[in-house]
Amino acid sequence: MEHSLSDFNHQTPIQIRFNDIDGLGHVNNSTIMEYFDLGRLGYLNMSVGARLGVDGKNVVIVSYKTDFYKQVKINDQLTVLTKVYNLGNKSIKMFQWLIKNGESTPIASCDSILSGIDMHQNCSMVIPEEWRQCFNKLEKGTLIEDIDQ
């Protein structure tokens, strides 16, 4: 799947902390995964907001694939770009880029699948219609819904 900066409607600025740097002087790949988590949380807060967690309805990550393209150094200015590109019956497919500010190609990318979960019943759940509308609004009508998944 090809992407460009214009595909993303959500941005999360990242502050690199001193303890993010490893002995080689760059941000460790496991820390970059934390940056994607921050972007994921920012996206969910902006789209679904206070609806997340109500009545035990939440999401969990069930799969992710991350590719690393360039090193990140302590003085780099970073942003995580996030988009939901597909909604299944119980699944949310999300794609993210970590970019250096001012650049148009990613340092790393992450493709993940989240599942709706009912925390009270401890089982998967159908993504609520209200959430679907929130994702569609943020994605400005570009979202693909595949409710048979």
Protein backbone atom coordinates (compact mmCIF):
# COMPACT_ATOMS: atom_id res chain seq x y z
CA MET A 1 0.00 0.00 0.00
CA GLU A 2 1.52 3.30 -1.12
CA HIS A 3 1.12 6.34 1.12
CA SER A 4 2.00 10.02 1.12
CA LEU A 5 1.86 12.77 3.75
CA SER A 6 -1.55 13.88 2.48
CA ASP A 7 -3.07 10.49 3.38
CA PHE A 8 -2.81 11.20 7.10
CA ASN A 9 -5.34 13.34 8.96
CA HIS A 10 -3.84 12.93 12.42
CA GLN A 11 -0.43 13.99 13.75
CA THR A 12 1.19 13.48 17.15
CA PRO A 13 4.39 15.42 17.93
CA ILE A 14 7.01 13.31 19.71
CA GLN A 15 9.44 14.56 22.32
CA ILE A 16 12.61 12.46 22.41
CA ARG A 17 13.77 11.91 25.98
CA PHE A 18 17.36 11.40 27.08
CA ASN A 19 16.58 7.85 28.22
CA ASP A 20 15.26 7.01 24.71
CA ILE A 21 18.86 7.00 23.46
CA ASP A 22 20.82 3.75 23.58
CA GLY A 23 24.56 3.15 23.82
CA LEU A 24 24.98 3.64 20.07
CA GLY A 25 23.60 7.19 20.30
CA HIS A 26 20.30 6.56 18.55
CA VAL A 27 16.70 5.89 19.61
CA ASN A 28 16.23 2.17 20.16
CA ASN A 29 13.68 0.43 17.92
CA SER A 30 11.64 -0.67 20.94
CA THR A 31 11.26 3.00 21.90
CA ILE A 32 10.02 3.79 18.40
CA MET A 33 7.22 1.31 19.09
CA GLU A 34 6.30 3.49 22.10
CA TYR A 35 6.11 6.49 19.76
CA PHE A 36 3.62 4.58 17.59
CA ASP A 37 1.61 3.82 20.77
CA LEU A 38 1.50 7.56 21.52
CA GLY A 39 0.24 8.25 18.00
CA ARG A 40 -2.34 5.46 18.27
CA LEU A 41 -3.62 6.82 21.59
CA GLY A 42 -3.72 10.38 20.25
CA TYR A 43 -5.72 9.22 17.23
CA LEU A 44 -8.20 7.29 19.37
CA ASN A 45 -8.59 10.23 21.76
CA MET A 46 -9.25 12.62 18.86
CA SER A 47 -11.68 10.33 17.03
CA VAL A 48 -13.55 8.25 19.63
CA GLY A 49 -12.52 10.31 22.65
CA ALA A 50 -14.47 9.82 25.86
CA ARG A 51 -16.48 6.98 24.28
CA LEU A 52 -13.45 4.69 24.63
CA GLY A 53 -13.70 2.66 27.82
CA VAL A 54 -17.38 3.47 28.46
CA ASP A 55 -19.30 0.36 29.57
CA GLY A 56 -16.08 -1.64 29.26
CA LYS A 57 -15.85 -1.07 25.48
CA ASN A 58 -12.26 -0.68 24.38
CA VAL A 59 -9.68 -1.81 21.82
CA VAL A 60 -6.57 -3.97 22.00
CA ILE A 61 -3.76 -4.50 19.51
CA VAL A 62 -3.94 -8.00 18.05
CA SER A 63 -1.27 -7.66 15.35
CA TYR A 64 1.37 -5.22 14.18
CA LYS A 65 4.21 -5.11 11.68
CA THR A 66 6.86 -2.44 11.90
CA ASP A 67 9.53 -1.54 9.35
CA PHE A 68 12.54 0.63 10.24
CA TYR A 69 14.20 2.68 7.48
CA LYS A 70 16.49 5.27 9.14
CA GLN A 71 18.12 5.99 12.48
CA VAL A 72 16.69 8.53 14.91
CA LYS A 73 19.12 10.76 16.86
CA ILE A 74 18.48 12.75 20.03
CA ASN A 75 18.07 16.15 18.30
CA ASP A 76 15.64 14.96 15.62
CA GLN A 77 12.18 16.57 15.65
CA LEU A 78 9.60 13.83 15.13
CA THR A 79 5.91 13.37 14.36
CA VAL A 80 3.78 10.23 14.21
CA LEU A 81 1.19 10.27 11.43
CA THR A 82 -1.78 7.95 11.94
CA LYS A 83 -4.75 6.82 9.88
CA VAL A 84 -7.43 4.17 10.09
CA TYR A 85 -7.86 2.72 6.61
CA ASN A 86 -10.24 -0.21 7.13
CA LEU A 87 -13.00 -1.14 9.56
CA GLY A 88 -14.11 -4.73 9.84
CA ASN A 89 -16.94 -6.02 11.96
CA LYS A 90 -14.70 -6.27 15.04
CA SER A 91 -11.39 -5.00 13.67
CA ILE A 92 -9.72 -1.66 13.00
CA LYS A 93 -6.78 -1.51 10.59
CA MET A 94 -4.42 1.36 11.29
CA PHE A 95 -1.32 2.60 9.45
CA GLN A 96 1.33 4.93 10.87
CA TRP A 97 4.48 6.73 9.82
CA LEU A 98 7.19 8.18 12.04
CA ILE A 99 8.72 11.14 10.20
CA LYS A 100 11.36 13.75 10.85
CA ASN A 101 9.67 17.14 10.70
CA GLY A 102 10.11 18.70 7.26
CA GLU A 103 10.62 15.35 5.50
CA SER A 104 8.11 13.47 3.38
CA THR A 105 9.34 9.90 3.78
CA PRO A 106 9.10 7.80 6.93
CA ILE A 107 11.82 6.83 9.36
CA ALA A 108 9.63 3.84 10.30
CA SER A 109 6.15 2.58 9.50
CA CYS A 110 3.69 0.46 11.46
CA ASP A 111 0.67 -1.44 10.16
CA SER A 112 -1.53 -2.70 12.99
CA ILE A 113 -4.85 -4.38 13.62
CA LEU A 114 -6.88 -3.53 16.68
CA SER A 115 -9.87 -5.48 17.90
CA GLY A 116 -12.88 -4.20 19.74
CA ILE A 117 -13.03 -5.75 23.20
CA ASP A 118 -15.71 -5.90 25.86
CA MET A 119 -13.70 -5.73 29.08
CA HIS A 120 -16.70 -6.80 31.20
CA GLN A 121 -17.30 -9.96 29.17
CA ASN A 122 -13.59 -10.47 28.33
CA CYS A 123 -14.33 -11.12 24.67
CA SER A 124 -14.18 -9.41 21.29
CA MET A 125 -16.98 -7.06 20.33
CA VAL A 126 -18.44 -5.45 17.23
CA ILE A 127 -17.10 -1.93 16.65
CA PRO A 128 -19.96 0.38 17.73
CA GLU A 129 -21.68 2.42 15.02
CA GLU A 130 -20.92 5.62 16.94
CA TRP A 131 -17.19 4.81 16.78
CA ARG A 132 -17.46 4.06 13.05
CA GLN A 133 -18.94 7.50 12.47
CA CYS A 134 -16.10 9.09 14.46
CA PHE A 135 -13.44 7.27 12.42
CA ASN A 136 -15.18 8.17 9.16
CA LYS A 137 -15.38 11.82 10.18
CA LEU A 138 -11.65 11.99 10.98
CA GLU A 139 -10.76 10.11 7.78
CA LYS A 140 -12.94 12.45 5.70
CA GLY A 141 -14.79 9.71 3.89
CA THR A 142 -11.74 7.72 2.72
CA LEU A 143 -12.30 4.83 5.12
CA ILE A 144 -13.11 1.40 3.72
CA GLU A 145 -15.66 -0.57 5.71
CA ASP A 146 -15.58 -4.33 5.38
CA ILE A 147 -18.02 -5.50 8.03
CA ASP A 148 -17.86 -9.13 6.89
CA GLN A 149 -14.35 -9.49 8.35
